[in-house]
C-alpha atoms as a PDB file:
ATOM      1  CA  MET A   1      -4.973   9.998  11.003  1.00  0.00           C
ATOM      2  CA  PRO A   2      -3.871  13.045  13.031  1.00  0.00           C
ATOM      3  CA  ILE A   3      -1.494  12.801  15.974  1.00  0.00           C
ATOM      4  CA  VAL A   4      -1.509  14.772  19.216  1.00  0.00           C
ATOM      5  CA  PHE A   5       2.096  15.286  20.289  1.00  0.00           C
ATOM      6  CA  VAL A   6       2.517  16.081  23.993  1.00  0.00           C
ATOM      7  CA  THR A   7       5.952  17.286  25.099  1.00  0.00           C
ATOM      8  CA  ASN A   8       7.525  19.572  27.663  1.00  0.00           C
ATOM      9  CA  HIS A   9      10.001  21.565  25.546  1.00  0.00           C
ATOM     10  CA  LEU A  10       9.384  21.975  21.824  1.00  0.00           C
ATOM     11  CA  THR A  11      12.725  21.694  20.058  1.00  0.00           C
ATOM     12  CA  PRO A  12      13.615  22.894  16.549  1.00  0.00           C
ATOM     13  CA  TYR A  13      13.822  19.395  15.093  1.00  0.00           C
ATOM     14  CA  GLN A  14      10.420  18.472  16.548  1.00  0.00           C
ATOM     15  CA  ALA A  15       8.896  21.634  15.068  1.00  0.00           C
ATOM     16  CA  ALA A  16      10.538  20.815  11.730  1.00  0.00           C
ATOM     17  CA  LEU A  17       9.098  17.289  11.797  1.00  0.00           C
ATOM     18  CA  PHE A  18       5.546  18.440  12.543  1.00  0.00           C
ATOM     19  CA  SER A  19       5.479  21.635  10.477  1.00  0.00           C
ATOM     20  CA  MET A  20       3.041  21.873   7.557  1.00  0.00           C
ATOM     21  CA  SER A  21       0.985  18.953   8.933  1.00  0.00           C
ATOM     22  CA  ALA A  22      -2.491  18.572  10.406  1.00  0.00           C
ATOM     23  CA  ASN A  23      -1.118  17.279  13.691  1.00  0.00           C
ATOM     24  CA  THR A  24      -1.244  19.215  16.965  1.00  0.00           C
ATOM     25  CA  ILE A  25       1.590  19.846  19.412  1.00  0.00           C
ATOM     26  CA  ILE A  26       0.876  20.498  23.080  1.00  0.00           C
ATOM     27  CA  THR A  27       3.808  21.928  25.022  1.00  0.00           C
ATOM     28  CA  TYR A  28       3.652  22.380  28.786  1.00  0.00           C
ATOM     29  CA  SER A  29       6.962  24.181  29.389  1.00  0.00           C
ATOM     30  CA  PRO A  30       7.520  27.799  28.254  1.00  0.00           C
ATOM     31  CA  PHE A  31       9.016  28.413  24.831  1.00  0.00           C
ATOM     32  CA  ASP A  32      12.581  29.625  25.062  1.00  0.00           C
ATOM     33  CA  SER A  33      12.634  32.716  22.876  1.00  0.00           C
ATOM     34  CA  PHE A  34      16.256  33.290  23.852  1.00  0.00           C
ATOM     35  CA  HIS A  35      17.103  30.193  21.818  1.00  0.00           C
ATOM     36  CA  GLN A  36      14.803  31.294  18.961  1.00  0.00           C
ATOM     37  CA  TRP A  37      12.357  28.417  19.374  1.00  0.00           C
ATOM     38  CA  THR A  38       9.227  30.576  19.405  1.00  0.00           C
ATOM     39  CA  SER A  39       9.415  31.423  15.706  1.00  0.00           C
ATOM     40  CA  LEU A  40       9.777  27.736  14.888  1.00  0.00           C
ATOM     41  CA  ALA A  41       6.683  26.962  16.950  1.00  0.00           C
ATOM     42  CA  ALA A  42       4.589  29.171  14.695  1.00  0.00           C
ATOM     43  CA  GLU A  43       5.264  26.828  11.778  1.00  0.00           C
ATOM     44  CA  ALA A  44       3.314  23.986  13.414  1.00  0.00           C
ATOM     45  CA  GLN A  45      -0.074  23.825  15.123  1.00  0.00           C
ATOM     46  CA  VAL A  46       1.072  24.437  18.681  1.00  0.00           C
ATOM     47  CA  LYS A  47      -1.016  24.841  21.824  1.00  0.00           C
ATOM     48  CA  ASP A  48       1.176  26.395  24.502  1.00  0.00           C
ATOM     49  CA  ILE A  49      -0.351  25.605  27.906  1.00  0.00           C
ATOM     50  CA  SER A  50       2.798  26.266  29.925  1.00  0.00           C
ATOM     51  CA  ARG A  51       1.494  29.417  31.636  1.00  0.00           C
ATOM     52  CA  LEU A  52      -1.624  27.743  32.985  1.00  0.00           C
ATOM     53  CA  ARG A  53      -2.000  26.142  36.401  1.00  0.00           C
ATOM     54  CA  LEU A  54      -1.470  22.371  36.510  1.00  0.00           C
ATOM     55  CA  SER A  55      -5.202  21.599  36.737  1.00  0.00           C
ATOM     56  CA  GLN A  56      -5.855  23.793  33.698  1.00  0.00           C
ATOM     57  CA  ARG A  57      -3.002  22.183  31.768  1.00  0.00           C
ATOM     58  CA  LEU A  58      -4.444  18.734  32.395  1.00  0.00           C
ATOM     59  CA  ARG A  59      -7.894  19.953  31.365  1.00  0.00           C
ATOM     60  CA  GLU A  60      -6.505  21.296  28.071  1.00  0.00           C
ATOM     61  CA  ILE A  61      -4.764  17.999  27.365  1.00  0.00           C
ATOM     62  CA  SER A  62      -8.007  16.137  28.088  1.00  0.00           C
ATOM     63  CA  CYS A  63      -9.966  18.383  25.695  1.00  0.00           C
ATOM     64  CA  GLU A  64      -7.436  17.899  22.907  1.00  0.00           C
ATOM     65  CA  PHE A  65      -7.600  14.122  23.232  1.00  0.00           C
ATOM     66  CA  ARG A  66     -11.406  14.188  23.205  1.00  0.00           C
ATOM     67  CA  ASN A  67     -11.406  16.268  20.017  1.00  0.00           C
ATOM     68  CA  SER A  68      -8.827  14.174  18.179  1.00  0.00           C
ATOM     69  CA  PRO A  69      -9.851  10.839  16.618  1.00  0.00           C
ATOM     70  CA  GLY A  70      -6.243   9.807  15.949  1.00  0.00           C
ATOM     71  CA  GLY A  71      -3.331   8.736  18.098  1.00  0.00           C
ATOM     72  CA  ALA A  72      -0.821  10.288  20.459  1.00  0.00           C
ATOM     73  CA  LEU A  73       2.927  10.699  20.713  1.00  0.00           C
ATOM     74  CA  ILE A  74       4.112  11.396  24.254  1.00  0.00           C
ATOM     75  CA  ALA A  75       7.562  12.725  25.130  1.00  0.00           C
ATOM     76  CA  GLY A  76       9.092  14.913  27.797  1.00  0.00           C
ATOM     77  CA  SER A  77       9.918  14.272  31.419  1.00  0.00           C
ATOM     78  CA  VAL A  78       8.718  11.066  33.049  1.00  0.00           C
ATOM     79  CA  ARG A  79       8.623  13.063  36.279  1.00  0.00           C
ATOM     80  CA  SER A  80       5.845  15.332  35.010  1.00  0.00           C
ATOM     81  CA  ALA A  81       2.147  14.916  35.736  1.00  0.00           C
ATOM     82  CA  GLU A  82       1.362  15.802  32.101  1.00  0.00           C
ATOM     83  CA  PHE A  83       3.344  12.785  30.862  1.00  0.00           C
ATOM     84  CA  TRP A  84       1.436  10.262  32.952  1.00  0.00           C
ATOM     85  CA  PHE A  85      -1.916  12.018  32.549  1.00  0.00           C
ATOM     86  CA  SER A  86      -1.560  11.784  28.758  1.00  0.00           C
ATOM     87  CA  ILE A  87      -0.902   8.057  29.047  1.00  0.00           C
ATOM     88  CA  ALA A  88      -3.958   7.630  31.287  1.00  0.00           C
ATOM     89  CA  MET A  89      -6.154   9.502  28.776  1.00  0.00           C
ATOM     90  CA  CYS A  90      -4.993   7.231  25.968  1.00  0.00           C
ATOM     91  CA  ARG A  91      -5.601   4.101  28.010  1.00  0.00           C
ATOM     92  CA  LEU A  92      -9.108   5.231  29.063  1.00  0.00           C
ATOM     93  CA  ARG A  93     -10.124   6.210  25.514  1.00  0.00           C
ATOM     94  CA  GLY A  94      -8.481   3.262  23.759  1.00  0.00           C
ATOM     95  CA  THR A  95      -6.298   5.655  21.759  1.00  0.00           C
ATOM     96  CA  PRO A  96      -3.177   4.205  20.107  1.00  0.00           C
ATOM     97  CA  PHE A  97      -0.115   5.945  21.506  1.00  0.00           C
ATOM     98  CA  ALA A  98       3.647   5.833  21.590  1.00  0.00           C
ATOM     99  CA  LEU A  99       6.218   6.941  24.153  1.00  0.00           C
ATOM    100  CA  TRP A 100       9.182   8.633  22.452  1.00  0.00           C
ATOM    101  CA  LEU A 101      12.159   7.622  24.585  1.00  0.00           C
ATOM    102  CA  GLU A 102      15.921   8.020  24.394  1.00  0.00           C
ATOM    103  CA  ARG A 103      18.310   5.303  25.517  1.00  0.00           C
ATOM    104  CA  PRO A 104      18.370   5.371  29.341  1.00  0.00           C
ATOM    105  CA  ARG A 105      21.573   6.586  30.961  1.00  0.00           C
ATOM    106  CA  THR A 106      21.543   3.727  33.467  1.00  0.00           C
ATOM    107  CA  PRO A 107      20.223   0.144  33.221  1.00  0.00           C
ATOM    108  CA  ILE A 108      16.444  -0.100  33.453  1.00  0.00           C
ATOM    109  CA  THR A 109      15.461  -1.263  36.939  1.00  0.00           C
ATOM    110  CA  ILE A 110      12.852  -3.952  37.548  1.00  0.00           C
ATOM    111  CA  PHE A 111      10.543  -1.299  39.006  1.00  0.00           C
ATOM    112  CA  ARG A 112      10.773   0.977  35.960  1.00  0.00           C
ATOM    113  CA  ARG A 113      10.403  -1.999  33.642  1.00  0.00           C
ATOM    114  CA  ASN A 114       7.167  -3.037  35.314  1.00  0.00           C
ATOM    115  CA  VAL A 115       5.832   0.530  35.400  1.00  0.00           C
ATOM    116  CA  LEU A 116       6.434   0.979  31.665  1.00  0.00           C
ATOM    117  CA  ARG A 117       4.887  -2.386  30.849  1.00  0.00           C
ATOM    118  CA  LEU A 118       1.810  -1.543  32.927  1.00  0.00           C
ATOM    119  CA  ALA A 119       1.529   1.967  31.452  1.00  0.00           C
ATOM    120  CA  LEU A 120       1.722   0.777  27.845  1.00  0.00           C
ATOM    121  CA  GLY A 121      -0.843  -2.004  28.151  1.00  0.00           C
ATOM    122  CA  LYS A 122      -1.866  -3.495  24.803  1.00  0.00           C
ATOM    123  CA  GLN A 123      -2.333  -0.287  22.837  1.00  0.00           C
ATOM    124  CA  GLY A 124       0.906   1.544  23.665  1.00  0.00           C
ATOM    125  CA  ILE A 125       4.317   1.152  22.084  1.00  0.00           C
ATOM    126  CA  ILE A 126       7.788   2.535  22.681  1.00  0.00           C
ATOM    127  CA  LEU A 127       9.319   4.610  19.896  1.00  0.00           C
ATOM    128  CA  ALA A 128      12.990   4.270  20.712  1.00  0.00           C
ATOM    129  CA  ILE A 129      15.244   7.076  19.522  1.00  0.00           C
ATOM    130  CA  GLY A 130      17.839   5.206  17.494  1.00  0.00           C
ATOM    131  CA  THR A 131      19.200   1.713  16.980  1.00  0.00           C
ATOM    132  CA  ILE A 132      21.026   1.583  20.327  1.00  0.00           C
ATOM    133  CA  ALA A 133      17.921   2.652  22.263  1.00  0.00           C
ATOM    134  CA  THR A 134      15.777   0.162  20.341  1.00  0.00           C
ATOM    135  CA  ALA A 135      18.060  -2.737  21.247  1.00  0.00           C
ATOM    136  CA  SER A 136      18.216  -1.576  24.866  1.00  0.00           C
ATOM    137  CA  TYR A 137      14.428  -1.469  25.349  1.00  0.00           C
ATOM    138  CA  ARG A 138      13.820  -4.721  23.456  1.00  0.00           C
ATOM    139  CA  GLN A 139      16.325  -6.507  25.649  1.00  0.00           C
ATOM    140  CA  SER A 140      15.132  -4.948  28.902  1.00  0.00           C
ATOM    141  CA  ILE A 141      11.348  -5.008  28.530  1.00  0.00           C
ATOM    142  CA  LYS A 142      10.118  -8.249  27.038  1.00  0.00           C
ATOM    143  CA  GLY A 143       6.618  -8.439  25.596  1.00  0.00           C
ATOM    144  CA  VAL A 144       6.404  -4.717  24.734  1.00  0.00           C
ATOM    145  CA  LYS A 145       6.327  -3.401  21.175  1.00  0.00           C
ATOM    146  CA  VAL A 146       9.470  -1.355  20.515  1.00  0.00           C
ATOM    147  CA  ARG A 147      10.049   0.398  17.185  1.00  0.00           C
ATOM    148  CA  ASN A 148      12.945   2.515  16.032  1.00  0.00           C
ATOM    149  CA  PHE A 149      12.110   6.138  15.235  1.00  0.00           C
ATOM    150  CA  PRO A 150      15.064   8.468  15.824  1.00  0.00           C
ATOM    151  CA  TYR A 151      14.990  12.234  15.840  1.00  0.00           C
ATOM    152  CA  SER A 152      15.140  13.784  12.398  1.00  0.00           C
ATOM    153  CA  TYR A 153      16.068  17.292  11.356  1.00  0.00           C
ATOM    154  CA  GLY A 154      13.409  16.986   8.642  1.00  0.00           C
ATOM    155  CA  ARG A 155      13.058  19.659   6.006  1.00  0.00           C
ATOM    156  CA  ASN A 156      16.101  21.517   7.316  1.00  0.00           C
ATOM    157  CA  VAL A 157      18.195  19.017   5.325  1.00  0.00           C
ATOM    158  CA  PRO A 158      18.615  20.352   1.757  1.00  0.00           C
ATOM    159  CA  ASP A 159      17.198  18.434  -1.196  1.00  0.00           C
ATOM    160  CA  ARG A 160      19.118  15.866  -3.200  1.00  0.00           C
ATOM    161  CA  GLY A 161      20.064  18.536  -5.699  1.00  0.00           C
ATOM    162  CA  ALA A 162      22.423  19.954  -3.047  1.00  0.00           C
ATOM    163  CA  LEU A 163      24.414  16.726  -2.648  1.00  0.00           C
ATOM    164  CA  SER A 164      27.347  18.106  -4.615  1.00  0.00           C
ATOM    165  CA  VAL A 165      29.198  19.683  -1.710  1.00  0.00           C
ATOM    166  CA  PRO A 166      31.371  22.668  -2.603  1.00  0.00           C
ATOM    167  CA  GLU A 167      35.104  22.511  -1.987  1.00  0.00           C
ATOM    168  CA  ASN A 168      36.156  23.282   1.559  1.00  0.00           C
ATOM    169  CA  THR A 169      37.122  26.954   1.759  1.00  0.00           C
ATOM    170  CA  THR A 170      39.529  26.503   4.666  1.00  0.00           C
ATOM    171  CA  ASP A 171      43.281  26.152   4.284  1.00  0.00           C
ATOM    172  CA  GLN A 172      43.909  22.590   3.057  1.00  0.00           C
ATOM    173  CA  GLN A 173      46.877  22.307   5.427  1.00  0.00           C
ATOM    174  CA  ARG A 174      44.725  22.955   8.485  1.00  0.00           C
ATOM    175  CA  ILE A 175      41.748  21.116   9.942  1.00  0.00           C
ATOM    176  CA  THR A 176      39.061  22.759  12.091  1.00  0.00           C
ATOM    177  CA  ALA A 177      37.464  20.394  14.614  1.00  0.00           C
ATOM    178  CA  LEU A 178      34.303  21.622  16.349  1.00  0.00           C
ATOM    179  CA  LEU A 179      32.913  20.421  19.697  1.00  0.00           C
ATOM    180  CA  ILE A 180      29.537  21.685  20.926  1.00  0.00           C
ATOM    181  CA  GLY A 181      28.362  21.432  24.533  1.00  0.00           C
ATOM    182  CA  SER A 182      28.542  23.105  27.913  1.00  0.00           C
ATOM    183  CA  GLU A 183      28.606  19.917  30.034  1.00  0.00           C
ATOM    184  CA  TRP A 184      32.300  19.230  29.474  1.00  0.00           C
ATOM    185  CA  ARG A 185      32.469  15.886  31.264  1.00  0.00           C
ATOM    186  CA  ARG A 186      29.430  14.312  29.586  1.00  0.00           C
ATOM    187  CA  LYS A 187      30.494  15.756  26.234  1.00  0.00           C
ATOM    188  CA  GLY A 188      34.035  14.396  26.599  1.00  0.00           C
ATOM    189  CA  LEU A 189      36.037  17.611  26.202  1.00  0.00           C
ATOM    190  CA  ASP A 190      38.871  16.084  28.238  1.00  0.00           C
ATOM    191  CA  THR A 191      39.019  13.151  25.817  1.00  0.00           C
ATOM    192  CA  LEU A 192      39.344  15.507  22.849  1.00  0.00           C
ATOM    193  CA  LEU A 193      42.063  17.597  24.519  1.00  0.00           C
ATOM    194  CA  ALA A 194      43.998  14.448  25.436  1.00  0.00           C
ATOM    195  CA  ALA A 195      43.655  13.277  21.826  1.00  0.00           C
ATOM    196  CA  THR A 196      45.319  16.467  20.580  1.00  0.00           C
ATOM    197  CA  ALA A 197      48.283  15.727  22.840  1.00  0.00           C
ATOM    198  CA  ALA A 198      48.522  12.211  21.383  1.00  0.00           C
ATOM    199  CA  LEU A 199      48.925  13.538  17.832  1.00  0.00           C
ATOM    200  CA  PRO A 200      52.386  13.989  16.289  1.00  0.00           C
ATOM    201  CA  LEU A 201      53.587  17.601  16.552  1.00  0.00           C
ATOM    202  CA  GLU A 202      53.297  18.099  12.783  1.00  0.00           C
ATOM    203  CA  LEU A 203      49.609  17.181  12.879  1.00  0.00           C
ATOM    204  CA  GLN A 204      49.020  19.220  16.048  1.00  0.00           C
ATOM    205  CA  SER A 205      50.235  22.337  14.249  1.00  0.00           C
ATOM    206  CA  ARG A 206      47.585  21.792  11.560  1.00  0.00           C
ATOM    207  CA  LEU A 207      44.699  21.347  13.998  1.00  0.00           C
ATOM    208  CA  GLU A 208      42.373  24.045  15.302  1.00  0.00           C
ATOM    209  CA  VAL A 209      39.834  22.972  17.952  1.00  0.00           C
ATOM    210  CA  ARG A 210      36.808  25.224  18.444  1.00  0.00           C
ATOM    211  CA  VAL A 211      34.598  24.646  21.503  1.00  0.00           C
ATOM    212  CA  ALA A 212      31.076  26.103  21.504  1.00  0.00           C
ATOM    213  CA  GLY A 213      29.260  26.360  24.840  1.00  0.00           C
ATOM    214  CA  LEU A 214      32.254  27.177  27.047  1.00  0.00           C
ATOM    215  CA  ARG A 215      34.088  30.486  27.466  1.00  0.00           C
ATOM    216  CA  GLU A 216      37.310  28.934  28.729  1.00  0.00           C
ATOM    217  CA  LEU A 217      38.953  25.715  29.799  1.00  0.00           C
ATOM    218  CA  PRO A 218      36.988  24.368  32.799  1.00  0.00           C
ATOM    219  CA  SER A 219      38.849  24.884  36.059  1.00  0.00           C
ATOM    220  CA  GLU A 220      38.583  21.151  36.820  1.00  0.00           C
ATOM    221  CA  LEU A 221      40.755  20.404  33.765  1.00  0.00           C
ATOM    222  CA  LYS A 222      43.451  23.012  34.341  1.00  0.00           C
ATOM    223  CA  GLY A 223      46.706  21.256  35.111  1.00  0.00           C
ATOM    224  CA  VAL A 224      45.017  17.856  34.730  1.00  0.00           C
ATOM    225  CA  VAL A 225      44.511  17.325  30.991  1.00  0.00           C
ATOM    226  CA  ALA A 226      47.401  18.151  28.695  1.00  0.00           C
ATOM    227  CA  THR A 227      46.564  19.772  25.366  1.00  0.00           C
ATOM    228  CA  GLY A 228      48.773  19.311  22.325  1.00  0.00           C
ATOM    229  CA  PRO A 229      51.285  22.169  22.639  1.00  0.00           C
ATOM    230  CA  SER A 230      51.095  22.969  18.930  1.00  0.00           C
ATOM    231  CA  ALA A 231      47.298  22.662  18.638  1.00  0.00           C
ATOM    232  CA  GLU A 232      45.155  25.777  18.713  1.00  0.00           C
ATOM    233  CA  VAL A 233      42.081  25.672  21.002  1.00  0.00           C
ATOM    234  CA  THR A 234      39.460  28.436  20.905  1.00  0.00           C
ATOM    235  CA  TYR A 235      36.537  28.715  23.331  1.00  0.00           C
ATOM    236  CA  LEU A 236      33.541  30.407  21.700  1.00  0.00           C
ATOM    237  CA  GLY A 237      31.111  30.667  24.628  1.00  0.00           C
ATOM    238  CA  PHE A 238      27.344  30.420  24.119  1.00  0.00           C
ATOM    239  CA  LEU A 239      26.210  30.658  20.484  1.00  0.00           C
ATOM    240  CA  GLN A 240      22.791  31.382  19.025  1.00  0.00           C
ATOM    241  CA  PRO A 241      21.325  28.711  16.701  1.00  0.00           C
ATOM    242  CA  ASP A 242      22.297  30.633  13.546  1.00  0.00           C
ATOM    243  CA  GLU A 243      25.841  30.976  14.843  1.00  0.00           C
ATOM    244  CA  VAL A 244      25.980  27.240  15.596  1.00  0.00           C
ATOM    245  CA  ARG A 245      24.926  26.469  12.026  1.00  0.00           C
ATOM    246  CA  ASP A 246      27.647  28.789  10.705  1.00  0.00           C
ATOM    247  CA  GLU A 247      30.230  26.950  12.803  1.00  0.00           C
ATOM    248  CA  LEU A 248      28.941  23.567  11.614  1.00  0.00           C
ATOM    249  CA  ARG A 249      29.056  24.724   8.017  1.00  0.00           C
ATOM    250  CA  SER A 250      32.642  25.981   8.202  1.00  0.00           C
ATOM    251  CA  ALA A 251      34.119  23.158  10.311  1.00  0.00           C
ATOM    252  CA  ASP A 252      36.045  20.328   8.685  1.00  0.00           C
ATOM    253  CA  VAL A 253      34.746  17.843  11.243  1.00  0.00           C
ATOM    254  CA  LEU A 254      32.352  17.775  14.198  1.00  0.00           C
ATOM    255  CA  VAL A 255      33.769  15.830  17.144  1.00  0.00           C
ATOM    256  CA  VAL A 256      31.267  14.278  19.583  1.00  0.00           C
ATOM    257  CA  PRO A 257      33.354  12.342  22.151  1.00  0.00           C
ATOM    258  CA  SER A 258      30.486  12.041  24.638  1.00  0.00           C
ATOM    259  CA  ARG A 259      30.365   9.649  27.537  1.00  0.00           C
ATOM    260  CA  TYR A 260      26.582   9.638  27.049  1.00  0.00           C
ATOM    261  CA  ASP A 261      24.306  11.134  24.402  1.00  0.00           C
ATOM    262  CA  GLY A 262      20.894   9.526  24.012  1.00  0.00           C
ATOM    263  CA  TRP A 263      20.822  10.723  20.395  1.00  0.00           C
ATOM    264  CA  ALA A 264      22.755  14.023  19.743  1.00  0.00           C
ATOM    265  CA  VAL A 265      20.793  15.736  16.969  1.00  0.00           C
ATOM    266  CA  VAL A 266      23.851  17.895  16.310  1.00  0.00           C
ATOM    267  CA  VAL A 267      25.297  14.910  14.432  1.00  0.00           C
ATOM    268  CA  GLU A 268      22.556  15.161  11.824  1.00  0.00           C
ATOM    269  CA  GLU A 269      22.765  18.974  11.838  1.00  0.00           C
ATOM    270  CA  ALA A 270      26.443  18.744  10.927  1.00  0.00           C
ATOM    271  CA  MET A 271      25.899  16.114   8.251  1.00  0.00           C
ATOM    272  CA  ALA A 272      23.088  18.198   6.725  1.00  0.00           C
ATOM    273  CA  GLU A 273      25.765  20.840   6.117  1.00  0.00           C
ATOM    274  CA  GLY A 274      28.085  18.269   4.576  1.00  0.00           C
ATOM    275  CA  THR A 275      30.332  18.157   7.641  1.00  0.00           C
ATOM    276  CA  PRO A 276      31.602  14.681   8.600  1.00  0.00           C
ATOM    277  CA  VAL A 277      31.457  13.515  12.208  1.00  0.00           C
ATOM    278  CA  ILE A 278      33.797  11.730  14.589  1.00  0.00           C
ATOM    279  CA  ALA A 279      31.696  10.325  17.446  1.00  0.00           C
ATOM    280  CA  SER A 280      32.131   7.941  20.346  1.00  0.00           C
ATOM    281  CA  ASP A 281      30.208   4.694  20.500  1.00  0.00           C
ATOM    282  CA  HIS A 282      28.165   6.139  23.397  1.00  0.00           C
ATOM    283  CA  VAL A 283      26.468   8.610  21.039  1.00  0.00           C
ATOM    284  CA  GLY A 284      23.081   7.301  19.905  1.00  0.00           C
ATOM    285  CA  ALA A 285      23.179   8.974  16.484  1.00  0.00           C
ATOM    286  CA  ALA A 286      26.560   7.446  15.697  1.00  0.00           C
ATOM    287  CA  ALA A 287      25.073   3.973  15.275  1.00  0.00           C
ATOM    288  CA  ASP A 288      22.474   5.232  12.784  1.00  0.00           C
ATOM    289  CA  LEU A 289      24.325   7.963  10.886  1.00  0.00           C
ATOM    290  CA  VAL A 290      28.102   7.633  11.161  1.00  0.00           C
ATOM    291  CA  VAL A 291      29.537   5.037   8.784  1.00  0.00           C
ATOM    292  CA  ASP A 292      33.281   4.605   9.270  1.00  0.00           C
ATOM    293  CA  GLY A 293      35.188   5.909   6.279  1.00  0.00           C
ATOM    294  CA  TYR A 294      32.023   7.140   4.523  1.00  0.00           C
ATOM    295  CA  SER A 295      30.429   9.862   6.676  1.00  0.00           C
ATOM    296  CA  GLY A 296      32.951  10.015   9.500  1.00  0.00           C
ATOM    297  CA  PHE A 297      34.508   7.760  12.119  1.00  0.00           C
ATOM    298  CA  THR A 298      33.502   6.179  15.432  1.00  0.00           C
ATOM    299  CA  PHE A 299      35.735   5.296  18.373  1.00  0.00           C
ATOM    300  CA  PRO A 300      35.346   3.775  21.865  1.00  0.00           C
ATOM    301  CA  SER A 301      34.198   6.346  24.423  1.00  0.00           C
ATOM    302  CA  GLU A 302      37.008   7.858  26.557  1.00  0.00           C
ATOM    303  CA  ASP A 303      39.699   6.341  24.271  1.00  0.00           C
ATOM    304  CA  SER A 304      41.783   9.402  23.432  1.00  0.00           C
ATOM    305  CA  GLU A 305      44.301   7.360  21.411  1.00  0.00           C
ATOM    306  CA  ALA A 306      41.522   6.080  19.132  1.00  0.00           C
ATOM    307  CA  LEU A 307      40.140   9.611  18.765  1.00  0.00           C
ATOM    308  CA  ALA A 308      43.622  10.852  17.853  1.00  0.00           C
ATOM    309  CA  ALA A 309      43.801   8.165  15.157  1.00  0.00           C
ATOM    310  CA  ALA A 310      40.466   9.325  13.717  1.00  0.00           C
ATOM    311  CA  LEU A 311      41.633  12.952  13.681  1.00  0.00           C
ATOM    312  CA  ALA A 312      44.859  11.885  11.989  1.00  0.00           C
ATOM    313  CA  ALA A 313      42.852  10.095   9.306  1.00  0.00           C
ATOM    314  CA  MET A 314      40.973  13.330   8.628  1.00  0.00           C
ATOM    315  CA  MET A 315      44.204  15.294   8.298  1.00  0.00           C
ATOM    316  CA  CYS A 316      46.216  12.797   6.262  1.00  0.00           C
ATOM    317  CA  HIS A 317      43.772  12.153   3.411  1.00  0.00           C
ATOM    318  CA  ASP A 318      42.558  15.265   1.605  1.00  0.00           C
ATOM    319  CA  ALA A 319      40.639  13.220  -0.987  1.00  0.00           C
ATOM    320  CA  LEU A 320      38.990  11.187   1.759  1.00  0.00           C
ATOM    321  CA  ASP A 321      37.997  14.406   3.503  1.00  0.00           C
ATOM    322  CA  GLN A 322      35.970  15.527   0.456  1.00  0.00           C
ATOM    323  CA  SER A 323      34.374  12.089   0.050  1.00  0.00           C
ATOM    324  CA  LEU A 324      33.418  12.154   3.734  1.00  0.00           C
ATOM    325  CA  ARG A 325      31.613  15.459   3.160  1.00  0.00           C
ATOM    326  CA  ILE A 326      29.606  14.022   0.280  1.00  0.00           C
ATOM    327  CA  GLY A 327      28.886  10.837   2.252  1.00  0.00           C
ATOM    328  CA  ALA A 328      27.723  12.823   5.280  1.00  0.00           C
ATOM    329  CA  LYS A 329      25.301  14.887   3.199  1.00  0.00           C
ATOM    330  CA  ALA A 330      23.964  11.765   1.447  1.00  0.00           C
ATOM    331  CA  ILE A 331      23.213   9.982   4.739  1.00  0.00           C
ATOM    332  CA  ALA A 332      21.500  13.088   6.143  1.00  0.00           C
ATOM    333  CA  VAL A 333      19.196  13.191   3.121  1.00  0.00           C
ATOM    334  CA  GLN A 334      18.441   9.463   3.404  1.00  0.00           C
ATOM    335  CA  HIS A 335      17.617   9.898   7.087  1.00  0.00           C
ATOM    336  CA  ARG A 336      15.331  12.859   6.296  1.00  0.00           C
ATOM    337  CA  ASP A 337      13.418  10.869   3.704  1.00  0.00           C
ATOM    338  CA  LYS A 338      13.055   7.780   5.905  1.00  0.00           C
ATOM    339  CA  TYR A 339      11.966   9.484   9.140  1.00  0.00           C
ATOM    340  CA  ASN A 340       9.326  12.074   8.268  1.00  0.00           C
ATOM    341  CA  ILE A 341       5.822  12.843   9.537  1.00  0.00           C
ATOM    342  CA  GLU A 342       4.200  10.294   7.212  1.00  0.00           C
ATOM    343  CA  SER A 343       6.431   7.457   8.428  1.00  0.00           C
ATOM    344  CA  LEU A 344       5.798   8.552  12.032  1.00  0.00           C
ATOM    345  CA  GLU A 345       2.048   8.213  11.512  1.00  0.00           C
ATOM    346  CA  ARG A 346       2.484   4.798   9.887  1.00  0.00           C
ATOM    347  CA  THR A 347       4.699   3.638  12.756  1.00  0.00           C
ATOM    348  CA  ILE A 348       2.246   4.658  15.476  1.00  0.00           C
ATOM    349  CA  PHE A 349      -0.841   3.225  13.764  1.00  0.00           C
ATOM    350  CA  ARG A 350       0.792   0.011  12.501  1.00  0.00           C
ATOM    351  CA  LYS A 351      -0.998  -3.021  13.915  1.00  0.00           C
ATOM    352  CA  SER A 352       1.903  -5.463  14.114  1.00  0.00           C
END
C-alpha cells in the first residue's frame, strides 16, 4: 500500500529511499538548491508546499491524506504545526502511521512521554532511527510499539559486484583521516585534535587530518587544545555534496568523534565508498554499522586516548586497513538491502 511521507526538509537519503516508488513525499520547508537537493527531489513524487501560507499547507496535507488509502510516515520538527496536524489526520481517519524519530539528545521527560503516548494511540508506532534510539524509546515509553528503521542511503550504495574494493591510491606510509561537520563541539573536533597529540611522533608524521565544514581552527580551541606537532591538519571549508563524496572516497578513514549524533548518515556514505569509520559510542550509526576490527572501530565519546589507539591501529596494520575497506563496503550493502522502501512499507503496516 502507498505511503504519504510528511517531512520538513527532504534530504538526499530520504529521496533515494523513496525514488522510483508509488509513494508521495510532502515537504513543507523550501528545497535547498544550494546543497543540490532539488534535483534529487525530482526523482521521487514530491509535493512542495513550502511556499504556501500555513492554512494552505495544512489543506494540502489534508487533501493528500484523503486521496491516499495507505499509511503515513511523519518526520520533521515536533515544533511544527504540520507535524501534529498530520498525526491528527491519521488519528481521525484511522490511518496507520509511524513517527520517524532519532534518539533524543536529552532524557525523555514525563510530559513528552505522555504526549507521544497520547498522540500515537493504538494505530501509531515509533520508527526509531537505529538500535540505540530503539532501546531508548522502548525503555522510556512503555506500552508503545517501537520498531527499528534507521536511515539508509539506498540505491546510492553500489551493487554487490562492486565489493572488491580497489587498492588505496594514497601513500601507504601516510593515513588521511577525514572529519565532516561545522559544529565543532558536537562533532568532537577537539577530541580528534587531542588524539593526534597522544600519538607517538612517528605516527603523527604519517597522519593527515582533513576537516570539512570549517575554514580554520575555531577560535575557542586556539591555545586550548594541543595538536600533534608532526600531524598535518587541513581545513577545507564548506564543500558541495559531490566534493564531500570525493573526500570520502579518497580518505583512509572517516572519524566521527561526536558527543551526540542521532544517526550520522555520513557513516553509511563513507562505508558505501569502502572507507572504514572510527566513531564514538554516542553516534547512532556506530551501533548498527561499525563492527570493531571489521568495518572500523568505536571508542568512548570524548576519550582522546582511545581515539588515538584506534588511529594507531589503522596506521600500524596495512593488511587490516584493506580488510576494513572490504568489510565497510559489505556492511553498507547489507544495510541497503535490509532497509529499503519495501521493508519500510512492511514495517509500517505490520500488525504486531
